[in-house]
Amino acid sequence: MTRIRRGYIARRRRTKIRLFASSFRGARSRLTRTIIQQKIRSLVSSHRDRDRKKRDFRRLWITRINAVIRENRVSYSYSRLIHNLYKRQLLLNRKILAQIAILNRNCLYMISNEIIK
């Protein structure tokens, strides 16, 4: 039998996969099977870490707010501040509060004092 030349479709698919893995090191950017496995792993990691990043930033903001609040008063805490914010219906999210805590501490002190009254 004569040799049949394969079409371009499989080669185009492999080329597309190789472009995805071009920045990987070693066999993970050269061997097709390894590239496919690494692609699956990397996409799983990126999907998982998108949620984890949100969690980590929220924890960071809470830590920053708590540190600044406790500096000002010994008895006042982050949980009381957030509770009083909700009670007064002040819609300031944790990201904004953390930025205020870092850039302008006096403003955060004023907010917390106004809430207490």
PDB file of N, CA and C in Angstrom:
ATOM      1  N   MET A   1       0.829  -1.190   0.000  1.00  0.00           N
ATOM      2  CA  MET A   1       0.000   0.000   0.000  1.00  0.00           C
ATOM      3  C   MET A   1       0.872   1.250   0.000  1.00  0.00           C
ATOM      4  N   THR A   2       0.343   2.266  -0.573  1.00  0.00           N
ATOM      5  CA  THR A   2       1.082   3.517  -0.607  1.00  0.00           C
ATOM      6  C   THR A   2       0.874   4.280   0.691  1.00  0.00           C
ATOM      7  N   ARG A   3       1.829   5.127   0.985  1.00  0.00           N
ATOM      8  CA  ARG A   3       1.776   5.920   2.215  1.00  0.00           C
ATOM      9  C   ARG A   3       0.766   7.043   2.039  1.00  0.00           C
ATOM     10  N   ILE A   4      -0.047   7.237   3.084  1.00  0.00           N
ATOM     11  CA  ILE A   4      -1.045   8.312   3.046  1.00  0.00           C
ATOM     12  C   ILE A   4      -0.514   9.475   3.871  1.00  0.00           C
ATOM     13  N   ARG A   5      -0.480  10.632   3.266  1.00  0.00           N
ATOM     14  CA  ARG A   5      -0.035  11.825   3.993  1.00  0.00           C
ATOM     15  C   ARG A   5      -1.194  12.331   4.837  1.00  0.00           C
ATOM     16  N   ARG A   6      -0.903  12.647   6.086  1.00  0.00           N
ATOM     17  CA  ARG A   6      -1.945  13.134   6.991  1.00  0.00           C
ATOM     18  C   ARG A   6      -2.281  14.580   6.645  1.00  0.00           C
ATOM     19  N   GLY A   7      -3.457  14.970   7.024  1.00  0.00           N
ATOM     20  CA  GLY A   7      -3.893  16.334   6.771  1.00  0.00           C
ATOM     21  C   GLY A   7      -3.261  17.313   7.747  1.00  0.00           C
ATOM     22  N   TYR A   8      -3.666  18.540   7.676  1.00  0.00           N
ATOM     23  CA  TYR A   8      -3.072  19.603   8.487  1.00  0.00           C
ATOM     24  C   TYR A   8      -3.816  19.834   9.797  1.00  0.00           C
ATOM     25  N   ILE A   9      -4.955  19.153   9.971  1.00  0.00           N
ATOM     26  CA  ILE A   9      -5.808  19.453  11.122  1.00  0.00           C
ATOM     27  C   ILE A   9      -5.126  19.076  12.428  1.00  0.00           C
ATOM     28  N   ALA A  10      -4.566  17.869  12.504  1.00  0.00           N
ATOM     29  CA  ALA A  10      -3.893  17.431  13.735  1.00  0.00           C
ATOM     30  C   ALA A  10      -2.692  18.315  14.031  1.00  0.00           C
ATOM     31  N   ARG A  11      -1.948  18.674  12.978  1.00  0.00           N
ATOM     32  CA  ARG A  11      -0.774  19.538  13.170  1.00  0.00           C
ATOM     33  C   ARG A  11      -1.189  20.923  13.658  1.00  0.00           C
ATOM     34  N   ARG A  12      -2.299  21.423  13.139  1.00  0.00           N
ATOM     35  CA  ARG A  12      -2.796  22.735  13.565  1.00  0.00           C
ATOM     36  C   ARG A  12      -3.221  22.709  15.038  1.00  0.00           C
ATOM     37  N   ARG A  13      -3.848  21.582  15.450  1.00  0.00           N
ATOM     38  CA  ARG A  13      -4.258  21.429  16.850  1.00  0.00           C
ATOM     39  C   ARG A  13      -3.040  21.410  17.773  1.00  0.00           C
ATOM     40  N   ARG A  14      -2.014  20.638  17.376  1.00  0.00           N
ATOM     41  CA  ARG A  14      -0.800  20.570  18.205  1.00  0.00           C
ATOM     42  C   ARG A  14      -0.073  21.906  18.259  1.00  0.00           C
ATOM     43  N   THR A  15      -0.070  22.616  17.150  1.00  0.00           N
ATOM     44  CA  THR A  15       0.581  23.933  17.122  1.00  0.00           C
ATOM     45  C   THR A  15      -0.124  24.901  18.073  1.00  0.00           C
ATOM     46  N   LYS A  16      -1.447  24.826  18.106  1.00  0.00           N
ATOM     47  CA  LYS A  16      -2.220  25.686  18.997  1.00  0.00           C
ATOM     48  C   LYS A  16      -1.900  25.376  20.463  1.00  0.00           C
ATOM     49  N   ILE A  17      -1.770  24.093  20.769  1.00  0.00           N
ATOM     50  CA  ILE A  17      -1.432  23.689  22.136  1.00  0.00           C
ATOM     51  C   ILE A  17      -0.017  24.146  22.481  1.00  0.00           C
ATOM     52  N   ARG A  18       0.897  24.034  21.505  1.00  0.00           N
ATOM     53  CA  ARG A  18       2.293  24.451  21.743  1.00  0.00           C
ATOM     54  C   ARG A  18       2.392  25.949  22.006  1.00  0.00           C
ATOM     55  N   LEU A  19       1.570  26.732  21.339  1.00  0.00           N
ATOM     56  CA  LEU A  19       1.580  28.177  21.570  1.00  0.00           C
ATOM     57  C   LEU A  19       1.181  28.494  23.002  1.00  0.00           C
ATOM     58  N   PHE A  20       0.238  27.726  23.556  1.00  0.00           N
ATOM     59  CA  PHE A  20      -0.173  27.921  24.944  1.00  0.00           C
ATOM     60  C   PHE A  20       0.984  27.653  25.899  1.00  0.00           C
ATOM     61  N   ALA A  21       1.781  26.618  25.576  1.00  0.00           N
ATOM     62  CA  ALA A  21       2.837  26.160  26.490  1.00  0.00           C
ATOM     63  C   ALA A  21       4.208  26.687  26.118  1.00  0.00           C
ATOM     64  N   SER A  22       4.277  27.713  25.316  1.00  0.00           N
ATOM     65  CA  SER A  22       5.585  28.172  24.832  1.00  0.00           C
ATOM     66  C   SER A  22       6.458  28.748  25.950  1.00  0.00           C
ATOM     67  N   SER A  23       5.843  29.208  27.026  1.00  0.00           N
ATOM     68  CA  SER A  23       6.625  29.805  28.113  1.00  0.00           C
ATOM     69  C   SER A  23       6.997  28.797  29.192  1.00  0.00           C
ATOM     70  N   PHE A  24       6.528  27.546  29.069  1.00  0.00           N
ATOM     71  CA  PHE A  24       6.855  26.532  30.064  1.00  0.00           C
ATOM     72  C   PHE A  24       8.281  26.041  29.875  1.00  0.00           C
ATOM     73  N   ARG A  25       8.824  25.396  30.924  1.00  0.00           N
ATOM     74  CA  ARG A  25      10.216  24.929  30.874  1.00  0.00           C
ATOM     75  C   ARG A  25      10.296  23.458  30.521  1.00  0.00           C
ATOM     76  N   GLY A  26      11.371  23.089  29.821  1.00  0.00           N
ATOM     77  CA  GLY A  26      11.688  21.692  29.571  1.00  0.00           C
ATOM     78  C   GLY A  26      10.682  20.990  28.677  1.00  0.00           C
ATOM     79  N   ALA A  27      10.402  19.726  29.029  1.00  0.00           N
ATOM     80  CA  ALA A  27       9.505  18.908  28.216  1.00  0.00           C
ATOM     81  C   ALA A  27       8.092  19.462  28.197  1.00  0.00           C
ATOM     82  N   ARG A  28       7.756  20.265  29.177  1.00  0.00           N
ATOM     83  CA  ARG A  28       6.397  20.809  29.244  1.00  0.00           C
ATOM     84  C   ARG A  28       6.112  21.796  28.119  1.00  0.00           C
ATOM     85  N   SER A  29       7.143  22.218  27.410  1.00  0.00           N
ATOM     86  CA  SER A  29       6.918  23.086  26.255  1.00  0.00           C
ATOM     87  C   SER A  29       7.282  22.396  24.940  1.00  0.00           C
ATOM     88  N   ARG A  30       7.738  21.131  24.992  1.00  0.00           N
ATOM     89  CA  ARG A  30       8.194  20.446  23.779  1.00  0.00           C
ATOM     90  C   ARG A  30       7.394  19.194  23.422  1.00  0.00           C
ATOM     91  N   LEU A  31       7.030  18.388  24.413  1.00  0.00           N
ATOM     92  CA  LEU A  31       6.363  17.119  24.142  1.00  0.00           C
ATOM     93  C   LEU A  31       4.843  17.287  24.228  1.00  0.00           C
ATOM     94  N   THR A  32       4.163  16.798  23.209  1.00  0.00           N
ATOM     95  CA  THR A  32       2.733  17.066  23.079  1.00  0.00           C
ATOM     96  C   THR A  32       1.930  16.522  24.253  1.00  0.00           C
ATOM     97  N   ARG A  33       2.173  15.269  24.651  1.00  0.00           N
ATOM     98  CA  ARG A  33       1.403  14.700  25.753  1.00  0.00           C
ATOM     99  C   ARG A  33       1.650  15.466  27.049  1.00  0.00           C
ATOM    100  N   THR A  34       2.901  15.780  27.290  1.00  0.00           N
ATOM    101  CA  THR A  34       3.247  16.515  28.511  1.00  0.00           C
ATOM    102  C   THR A  34       2.640  17.906  28.483  1.00  0.00           C
ATOM    103  N   ILE A  35       2.626  18.524  27.309  1.00  0.00           N
ATOM    104  CA  ILE A  35       2.023  19.856  27.175  1.00  0.00           C
ATOM    105  C   ILE A  35       0.538  19.799  27.526  1.00  0.00           C
ATOM    106  N   ILE A  36      -0.159  18.765  27.031  1.00  0.00           N
ATOM    107  CA  ILE A  36      -1.596  18.655  27.289  1.00  0.00           C
ATOM    108  C   ILE A  36      -1.853  18.480  28.783  1.00  0.00           C
ATOM    109  N   GLN A  37      -1.039  17.615  29.438  1.00  0.00           N
ATOM    110  CA  GLN A  37      -1.207  17.398  30.878  1.00  0.00           C
ATOM    111  C   GLN A  37      -0.955  18.685  31.663  1.00  0.00           C
ATOM    112  N   GLN A  38       0.116  19.389  31.284  1.00  0.00           N
ATOM    113  CA  GLN A  38       0.465  20.618  31.985  1.00  0.00           C
ATOM    114  C   GLN A  38      -0.581  21.700  31.750  1.00  0.00           C
ATOM    115  N   LYS A  39      -1.154  21.724  30.551  1.00  0.00           N
ATOM    116  CA  LYS A  39      -2.198  22.702  30.249  1.00  0.00           C
ATOM    117  C   LYS A  39      -3.409  22.489  31.158  1.00  0.00           C
ATOM    118  N   ILE A  40      -3.801  21.218  31.334  1.00  0.00           N
ATOM    119  CA  ILE A  40      -4.933  20.910  32.211  1.00  0.00           C
ATOM    120  C   ILE A  40      -4.626  21.352  33.634  1.00  0.00           C
ATOM    121  N   ARG A  41      -3.423  21.029  34.108  1.00  0.00           N
ATOM    122  CA  ARG A  41      -3.042  21.410  35.476  1.00  0.00           C
ATOM    123  C   ARG A  41      -3.037  22.920  35.665  1.00  0.00           C
ATOM    124  N   SER A  42      -2.487  23.629  34.682  1.00  0.00           N
ATOM    125  CA  SER A  42      -2.376  25.079  34.827  1.00  0.00           C
ATOM    126  C   SER A  42      -3.742  25.748  34.785  1.00  0.00           C
ATOM    127  N   LEU A  43      -4.643  25.238  33.949  1.00  0.00           N
ATOM    128  CA  LEU A  43      -5.983  25.828  33.899  1.00  0.00           C
ATOM    129  C   LEU A  43      -6.755  25.547  35.187  1.00  0.00           C
ATOM    130  N   VAL A  44      -6.577  24.347  35.757  1.00  0.00           N
ATOM    131  CA  VAL A  44      -7.220  24.029  37.031  1.00  0.00           C
ATOM    132  C   VAL A  44      -6.702  24.959  38.120  1.00  0.00           C
ATOM    133  N   SER A  45      -5.373  25.159  38.151  1.00  0.00           N
ATOM    134  CA  SER A  45      -4.771  26.025  39.170  1.00  0.00           C
ATOM    135  C   SER A  45      -5.256  27.465  39.030  1.00  0.00           C
ATOM    136  N   SER A  46      -5.310  27.948  37.794  1.00  0.00           N
ATOM    137  CA  SER A  46      -5.728  29.338  37.609  1.00  0.00           C
ATOM    138  C   SER A  46      -7.188  29.520  38.014  1.00  0.00           C
ATOM    139  N   HIS A  47      -8.030  28.534  37.730  1.00  0.00           N
ATOM    140  CA  HIS A  47      -9.442  28.626  38.116  1.00  0.00           C
ATOM    141  C   HIS A  47      -9.583  28.613  39.632  1.00  0.00           C
ATOM    142  N   ARG A  48      -8.837  27.725  40.295  1.00  0.00           N
ATOM    143  CA  ARG A  48      -8.902  27.630  41.753  1.00  0.00           C
ATOM    144  C   ARG A  48      -8.369  28.908  42.409  1.00  0.00           C
ATOM    145  N   ASP A  49      -7.276  29.437  41.877  1.00  0.00           N
ATOM    146  CA  ASP A  49      -6.618  30.568  42.520  1.00  0.00           C
ATOM    147  C   ASP A  49      -7.311  31.897  42.274  1.00  0.00           C
ATOM    148  N   ARG A  50      -8.211  31.944  41.301  1.00  0.00           N
ATOM    149  CA  ARG A  50      -8.997  33.172  41.143  1.00  0.00           C
ATOM    150  C   ARG A  50      -9.863  33.385  42.370  1.00  0.00           C
ATOM    151  N   ASP A  51     -10.487  32.318  42.870  1.00  0.00           N
ATOM    152  CA  ASP A  51     -11.286  32.439  44.093  1.00  0.00           C
ATOM    153  C   ASP A  51     -10.397  32.675  45.307  1.00  0.00           C
ATOM    154  N   ARG A  52      -9.250  32.002  45.333  1.00  0.00           N
ATOM    155  CA  ARG A  52      -8.346  32.136  46.477  1.00  0.00           C
ATOM    156  C   ARG A  52      -7.804  33.567  46.583  1.00  0.00           C
ATOM    157  N   LYS A  53      -7.583  34.197  45.438  1.00  0.00           N
ATOM    158  CA  LYS A  53      -7.070  35.573  45.448  1.00  0.00           C
ATOM    159  C   LYS A  53      -8.069  36.526  46.112  1.00  0.00           C
ATOM    160  N   LYS A  54      -9.351  36.327  45.826  1.00  0.00           N
ATOM    161  CA  LYS A  54     -10.387  37.154  46.453  1.00  0.00           C
ATOM    162  C   LYS A  54     -10.372  36.977  47.970  1.00  0.00           C
ATOM    163  N   ARG A  55     -10.228  35.701  48.396  1.00  0.00           N
ATOM    164  CA  ARG A  55     -10.170  35.409  49.831  1.00  0.00           C
ATOM    165  C   ARG A  55      -8.967  36.086  50.477  1.00  0.00           C
ATOM    166  N   ASP A  56      -7.809  35.963  49.809  1.00  0.00           N
ATOM    167  CA  ASP A  56      -6.574  36.508  50.379  1.00  0.00           C
ATOM    168  C   ASP A  56      -6.632  38.022  50.520  1.00  0.00           C
ATOM    169  N   PHE A  57      -7.185  38.694  49.507  1.00  0.00           N
ATOM    170  CA  PHE A  57      -7.284  40.146  49.595  1.00  0.00           C
ATOM    171  C   PHE A  57      -8.245  40.572  50.696  1.00  0.00           C
ATOM    172  N   ARG A  58      -9.351  39.854  50.840  1.00  0.00           N
ATOM    173  CA  ARG A  58     -10.291  40.177  51.911  1.00  0.00           C
ATOM    174  C   ARG A  58      -9.622  40.042  53.273  1.00  0.00           C
ATOM    175  N   ARG A  59      -8.844  38.967  53.469  1.00  0.00           N
ATOM    176  CA  ARG A  59      -8.116  38.775  54.730  1.00  0.00           C
ATOM    177  C   ARG A  59      -7.123  39.903  54.975  1.00  0.00           C
ATOM    178  N   LEU A  60      -6.431  40.337  53.902  1.00  0.00           N
ATOM    179  CA  LEU A  60      -5.467  41.426  54.026  1.00  0.00           C
ATOM    180  C   LEU A  60      -6.153  42.722  54.446  1.00  0.00           C
ATOM    181  N   TRP A  61      -7.287  43.033  53.811  1.00  0.00           N
ATOM    182  CA  TRP A  61      -8.016  44.255  54.152  1.00  0.00           C
ATOM    183  C   TRP A  61      -8.480  44.222  55.594  1.00  0.00           C
ATOM    184  N   ILE A  62      -8.998  43.079  56.033  1.00  0.00           N
ATOM    185  CA  ILE A  62      -9.478  42.960  57.409  1.00  0.00           C
ATOM    186  C   ILE A  62      -8.330  43.154  58.392  1.00  0.00           C
ATOM    187  N   THR A  63      -7.177  42.566  58.091  1.00  0.00           N
ATOM    188  CA  THR A  63      -6.008  42.704  58.970  1.00  0.00           C
ATOM    189  C   THR A  63      -5.563  44.156  59.066  1.00  0.00           C
ATOM    190  N   ARG A  64      -5.540  44.853  57.930  1.00  0.00           N
ATOM    191  CA  ARG A  64      -5.114  46.263  57.932  1.00  0.00           C
ATOM    192  C   ARG A  64      -6.073  47.138  58.738  1.00  0.00           C
ATOM    193  N   ILE A  65      -7.359  46.942  58.525  1.00  0.00           N
ATOM    194  CA  ILE A  65      -8.347  47.743  59.256  1.00  0.00           C
ATOM    195  C   ILE A  65      -8.237  47.482  60.749  1.00  0.00           C
ATOM    196  N   ASN A  66      -8.132  46.226  61.115  1.00  0.00           N
ATOM    197  CA  ASN A  66      -8.050  45.835  62.521  1.00  0.00           C
ATOM    198  C   ASN A  66      -6.815  46.429  63.184  1.00  0.00           C
ATOM    199  N   ALA A  67      -5.680  46.406  62.473  1.00  0.00           N
ATOM    200  CA  ALA A  67      -4.441  46.935  63.049  1.00  0.00           C
ATOM    201  C   ALA A  67      -4.564  48.427  63.339  1.00  0.00           C
ATOM    202  N   VAL A  68      -5.124  49.182  62.407  1.00  0.00           N
ATOM    203  CA  VAL A  68      -5.246  50.628  62.590  1.00  0.00           C
ATOM    204  C   VAL A  68      -6.256  50.953  63.686  1.00  0.00           C
ATOM    205  N   ILE A  69      -7.367  50.227  63.716  1.00  0.00           N
ATOM    206  CA  ILE A  69      -8.399  50.479  64.730  1.00  0.00           C
ATOM    207  C   ILE A  69      -7.856  50.195  66.123  1.00  0.00           C
ATOM    208  N   ARG A  70      -7.142  49.093  66.278  1.00  0.00           N
ATOM    209  CA  ARG A  70      -6.617  48.736  67.603  1.00  0.00           C
ATOM    210  C   ARG A  70      -5.499  49.677  68.054  1.00  0.00           C
ATOM    211  N   GLU A  71      -4.813  50.313  67.103  1.00  0.00           N
ATOM    212  CA  GLU A  71      -3.793  51.307  67.452  1.00  0.00           C
ATOM    213  C   GLU A  71      -4.417  52.483  68.183  1.00  0.00           C
ATOM    214  N   ASN A  72      -5.580  52.890  67.699  1.00  0.00           N
ATOM    215  CA  ASN A  72      -6.236  54.074  68.233  1.00  0.00           C
ATOM    216  C   ASN A  72      -6.807  53.819  69.628  1.00  0.00           C
ATOM    217  N   ARG A  73      -7.555  52.725  69.785  1.00  0.00           N
ATOM    218  CA  ARG A  73      -8.197  52.416  71.066  1.00  0.00           C
ATOM    219  C   ARG A  73      -7.874  50.972  71.432  1.00  0.00           C
ATOM    220  N   VAL A  74      -7.715  50.729  72.701  1.00  0.00           N
ATOM    221  CA  VAL A  74      -7.407  49.379  73.155  1.00  0.00           C
ATOM    222  C   VAL A  74      -8.653  48.509  73.148  1.00  0.00           C
ATOM    223  N   SER A  75      -9.804  49.080  73.485  1.00  0.00           N
ATOM    224  CA  SER A  75     -11.015  48.285  73.639  1.00  0.00           C
ATOM    225  C   SER A  75     -11.788  48.111  72.338  1.00  0.00           C
ATOM    226  N   TYR A  76     -11.500  48.902  71.321  1.00  0.00           N
ATOM    227  CA  TYR A  76     -12.266  48.860  70.073  1.00  0.00           C
ATOM    228  C   TYR A  76     -11.674  47.808  69.140  1.00  0.00           C
ATOM    229  N   SER A  77     -12.510  47.096  68.397  1.00  0.00           N
ATOM    230  CA  SER A  77     -12.015  46.048  67.517  1.00  0.00           C
ATOM    231  C   SER A  77     -12.665  46.155  66.144  1.00  0.00           C
ATOM    232  N   TYR A  78     -12.148  45.373  65.218  1.00  0.00           N
ATOM    233  CA  TYR A  78     -12.646  45.358  63.845  1.00  0.00           C
ATOM    234  C   TYR A  78     -14.113  44.929  63.799  1.00  0.00           C
ATOM    235  N   SER A  79     -14.448  43.892  64.556  1.00  0.00           N
ATOM    236  CA  SER A  79     -15.817  43.368  64.487  1.00  0.00           C
ATOM    237  C   SER A  79     -16.827  44.395  64.969  1.00  0.00           C
ATOM    238  N   ARG A  80     -16.466  45.144  66.002  1.00  0.00           N
ATOM    239  CA  ARG A  80     -17.371  46.203  66.485  1.00  0.00           C
ATOM    240  C   ARG A  80     -17.526  47.312  65.458  1.00  0.00           C
ATOM    241  N   LEU A  81     -16.419  47.656  64.800  1.00  0.00           N
ATOM    242  CA  LEU A  81     -16.476  48.694  63.765  1.00  0.00           C
ATOM    243  C   LEU A  81     -17.424  48.287  62.647  1.00  0.00           C
ATOM    244  N   ILE A  82     -17.275  47.070  62.146  1.00  0.00           N
ATOM    245  CA  ILE A  82     -18.138  46.600  61.058  1.00  0.00           C
ATOM    246  C   ILE A  82     -19.594  46.501  61.524  1.00  0.00           C
ATOM    247  N   HIS A  83     -19.797  46.031  62.739  1.00  0.00           N
ATOM    248  CA  HIS A  83     -21.156  45.942  63.286  1.00  0.00           C
ATOM    249  C   HIS A  83     -21.806  47.328  63.349  1.00  0.00           C
ATOM    250  N   ASN A  84     -21.053  48.308  63.835  1.00  0.00           N
ATOM    251  CA  ASN A  84     -21.594  49.660  63.930  1.00  0.00           C
ATOM    252  C   ASN A  84     -21.812  50.291  62.556  1.00  0.00           C
ATOM    253  N   LEU A  85     -20.951  49.951  61.591  1.00  0.00           N
ATOM    254  CA  LEU A  85     -21.158  50.445  60.223  1.00  0.00           C
ATOM    255  C   LEU A  85     -22.486  49.930  59.669  1.00  0.00           C
ATOM    256  N   TYR A  86     -22.744  48.648  59.860  1.00  0.00           N
ATOM    257  CA  TYR A  86     -24.000  48.081  59.379  1.00  0.00           C
ATOM    258  C   TYR A  86     -25.198  48.671  60.125  1.00  0.00           C
ATOM    259  N   LYS A  87     -25.021  48.887  61.426  1.00  0.00           N
ATOM    260  CA  LYS A  87     -26.107  49.455  62.221  1.00  0.00           C
ATOM    261  C   LYS A  87     -26.467  50.854  61.741  1.00  0.00           C
ATOM    262  N   ARG A  88     -25.434  51.639  61.405  1.00  0.00           N
ATOM    263  CA  ARG A  88     -25.659  53.000  60.917  1.00  0.00           C
ATOM    264  C   ARG A  88     -25.982  53.050  59.426  1.00  0.00           C
ATOM    265  N   GLN A  89     -25.929  51.909  58.757  1.00  0.00           N
ATOM    266  CA  GLN A  89     -26.189  51.777  57.320  1.00  0.00           C
ATOM    267  C   GLN A  89     -25.220  52.597  56.484  1.00  0.00           C
ATOM    268  N   LEU A  90     -23.952  52.591  56.885  1.00  0.00           N
ATOM    269  CA  LEU A  90     -22.898  53.216  56.089  1.00  0.00           C
ATOM    270  C   LEU A  90     -22.320  52.159  55.154  1.00  0.00           C
ATOM    271  N   LEU A  91     -22.425  52.384  53.870  1.00  0.00           N
ATOM    272  CA  LEU A  91     -22.005  51.379  52.898  1.00  0.00           C
ATOM    273  C   LEU A  91     -20.557  51.635  52.465  1.00  0.00           C
ATOM    274  N   LEU A  92     -19.647  51.250  53.321  1.00  0.00           N
ATOM    275  CA  LEU A  92     -18.221  51.304  52.995  1.00  0.00           C
ATOM    276  C   LEU A  92     -17.697  49.875  53.011  1.00  0.00           C
ATOM    277  N   ASN A  93     -17.180  49.421  51.876  1.00  0.00           N
ATOM    278  CA  ASN A  93     -16.692  48.050  51.862  1.00  0.00           C
ATOM    279  C   ASN A  93     -15.280  47.976  52.450  1.00  0.00           C
ATOM    280  N   ARG A  94     -14.810  46.771  52.648  1.00  0.00           N
ATOM    281  CA  ARG A  94     -13.537  46.550  53.341  1.00  0.00           C
ATOM    282  C   ARG A  94     -12.357  47.083  52.553  1.00  0.00           C
ATOM    283  N   LYS A  95     -12.444  47.029  51.234  1.00  0.00           N
ATOM    284  CA  LYS A  95     -11.355  47.531  50.396  1.00  0.00           C
ATOM    285  C   LYS A  95     -11.169  49.030  50.607  1.00  0.00           C
ATOM    286  N   ILE A  96     -12.257  49.770  50.581  1.00  0.00           N
ATOM    287  CA  ILE A  96     -12.201  51.220  50.774  1.00  0.00           C
ATOM    288  C   ILE A  96     -11.731  51.557  52.189  1.00  0.00           C
ATOM    289  N   LEU A  97     -12.257  50.830  53.182  1.00  0.00           N
ATOM    290  CA  LEU A  97     -11.833  51.071  54.567  1.00  0.00           C
ATOM    291  C   LEU A  97     -10.339  50.819  54.745  1.00  0.00           C
ATOM    292  N   ALA A  98      -9.816  49.778  54.086  1.00  0.00           N
ATOM    293  CA  ALA A  98      -8.389  49.475  54.190  1.00  0.00           C
ATOM    294  C   ALA A  98      -7.554  50.576  53.547  1.00  0.00           C
ATOM    295  N   GLN A  99      -8.013  51.105  52.416  1.00  0.00           N
ATOM    296  CA  GLN A  99      -7.291  52.200  51.765  1.00  0.00           C
ATOM    297  C   GLN A  99      -7.310  53.456  52.634  1.00  0.00           C
ATOM    298  N   ILE A 100      -8.440  53.733  53.238  1.00  0.00           N
ATOM    299  CA  ILE A 100      -8.525  54.874  54.153  1.00  0.00           C
ATOM    300  C   ILE A 100      -7.600  54.660  55.340  1.00  0.00           C
ATOM    301  N   ALA A 101      -7.553  53.415  55.843  1.00  0.00           N
ATOM    302  CA  ALA A 101      -6.708  53.110  57.001  1.00  0.00           C
ATOM    303  C   ALA A 101      -5.241  53.342  56.697  1.00  0.00           C
ATOM    304  N   ILE A 102      -4.817  53.022  55.477  1.00  0.00           N
ATOM    305  CA  ILE A 102      -3.407  53.185  55.123  1.00  0.00           C
ATOM    306  C   ILE A 102      -3.086  54.644  54.783  1.00  0.00           C
ATOM    307  N   LEU A 103      -3.913  55.244  53.934  1.00  0.00           N
ATOM    308  CA  LEU A 103      -3.578  56.570  53.405  1.00  0.00           C
ATOM    309  C   LEU A 103      -3.945  57.712  54.349  1.00  0.00           C
ATOM    310  N   ASN A 104      -5.052  57.546  55.078  1.00  0.00           N
ATOM    311  CA  ASN A 104      -5.514  58.652  55.908  1.00  0.00           C
ATOM    312  C   ASN A 104      -6.120  58.098  57.198  1.00  0.00           C
ATOM    313  N   ARG A 105      -5.267  57.834  58.170  1.00  0.00           N
ATOM    314  CA  ARG A 105      -5.729  57.224  59.420  1.00  0.00           C
ATOM    315  C   ARG A 105      -6.694  58.121  60.178  1.00  0.00           C
ATOM    316  N   ASN A 106      -6.439  59.421  60.143  1.00  0.00           N
ATOM    317  CA  ASN A 106      -7.317  60.346  60.874  1.00  0.00           C
ATOM    318  C   ASN A 106      -8.757  60.252  60.373  1.00  0.00           C
ATOM    319  N   CYS A 107      -8.914  60.054  59.082  1.00  0.00           N
ATOM    320  CA  CYS A 107     -10.259  59.925  58.512  1.00  0.00           C
ATOM    321  C   CYS A 107     -10.951  58.679  59.058  1.00  0.00           C
ATOM    322  N   LEU A 108     -10.214  57.576  59.172  1.00  0.00           N
ATOM    323  CA  LEU A 108     -10.799  56.352  59.732  1.00  0.00           C
ATOM    324  C   LEU A 108     -11.145  56.553  61.203  1.00  0.00           C
ATOM    325  N   TYR A 109     -10.295  57.278  61.934  1.00  0.00           N
ATOM    326  CA  TYR A 109     -10.597  57.571  63.338  1.00  0.00           C
ATOM    327  C   TYR A 109     -11.879  58.403  63.441  1.00  0.00           C
ATOM    328  N   MET A 110     -12.016  59.380  62.544  1.00  0.00           N
ATOM    329  CA  MET A 110     -13.223  60.210  62.551  1.00  0.00           C
ATOM    330  C   MET A 110     -14.467  59.386  62.260  1.00  0.00           C
ATOM    331  N   ILE A 111     -14.360  58.476  61.282  1.00  0.00           N
ATOM    332  CA  ILE A 111     -15.493  57.615  60.953  1.00  0.00           C
ATOM    333  C   ILE A 111     -15.880  56.760  62.155  1.00  0.00           C
ATOM    334  N   SER A 112     -14.879  56.169  62.785  1.00  0.00           N
ATOM    335  CA  SER A 112     -15.182  55.285  63.933  1.00  0.00           C
ATOM    336  C   SER A 112     -15.756  56.078  65.104  1.00  0.00           C
ATOM    337  N   ASN A 113     -15.278  57.306  65.321  1.00  0.00           N
ATOM    338  CA  ASN A 113     -15.829  58.132  66.403  1.00  0.00           C
ATOM    339  C   ASN A 113     -17.269  58.560  66.121  1.00  0.00           C
ATOM    340  N   GLU A 114     -17.550  58.866  64.852  1.00  0.00           N
ATOM    341  CA  GLU A 114     -18.912  59.264  64.488  1.00  0.00           C
ATOM    342  C   GLU A 114     -19.887  58.112  64.649  1.00  0.00           C
ATOM    343  N   ILE A 115     -19.426  56.911  64.356  1.00  0.00           N
ATOM    344  CA  ILE A 115     -20.296  55.742  64.472  1.00  0.00           C
ATOM    345  C   ILE A 115     -20.660  55.477  65.926  1.00  0.00           C
ATOM    346  N   ILE A 116     -19.702  55.663  66.821  1.00  0.00           N
ATOM    347  CA  ILE A 116     -19.914  55.364  68.233  1.00  0.00           C
ATOM    348  C   ILE A 116     -20.977  56.279  68.830  1.00  0.00           C
ATOM    349  N   LYS A 117     -20.978  57.541  68.412  1.00  0.00           N
ATOM    350  CA  LYS A 117     -21.912  58.522  69.000  1.00  0.00           C
ATOM    351  C   LYS A 117     -23.349  58.223  68.652  1.00  0.00           C
TER     352      LYS A 117
END
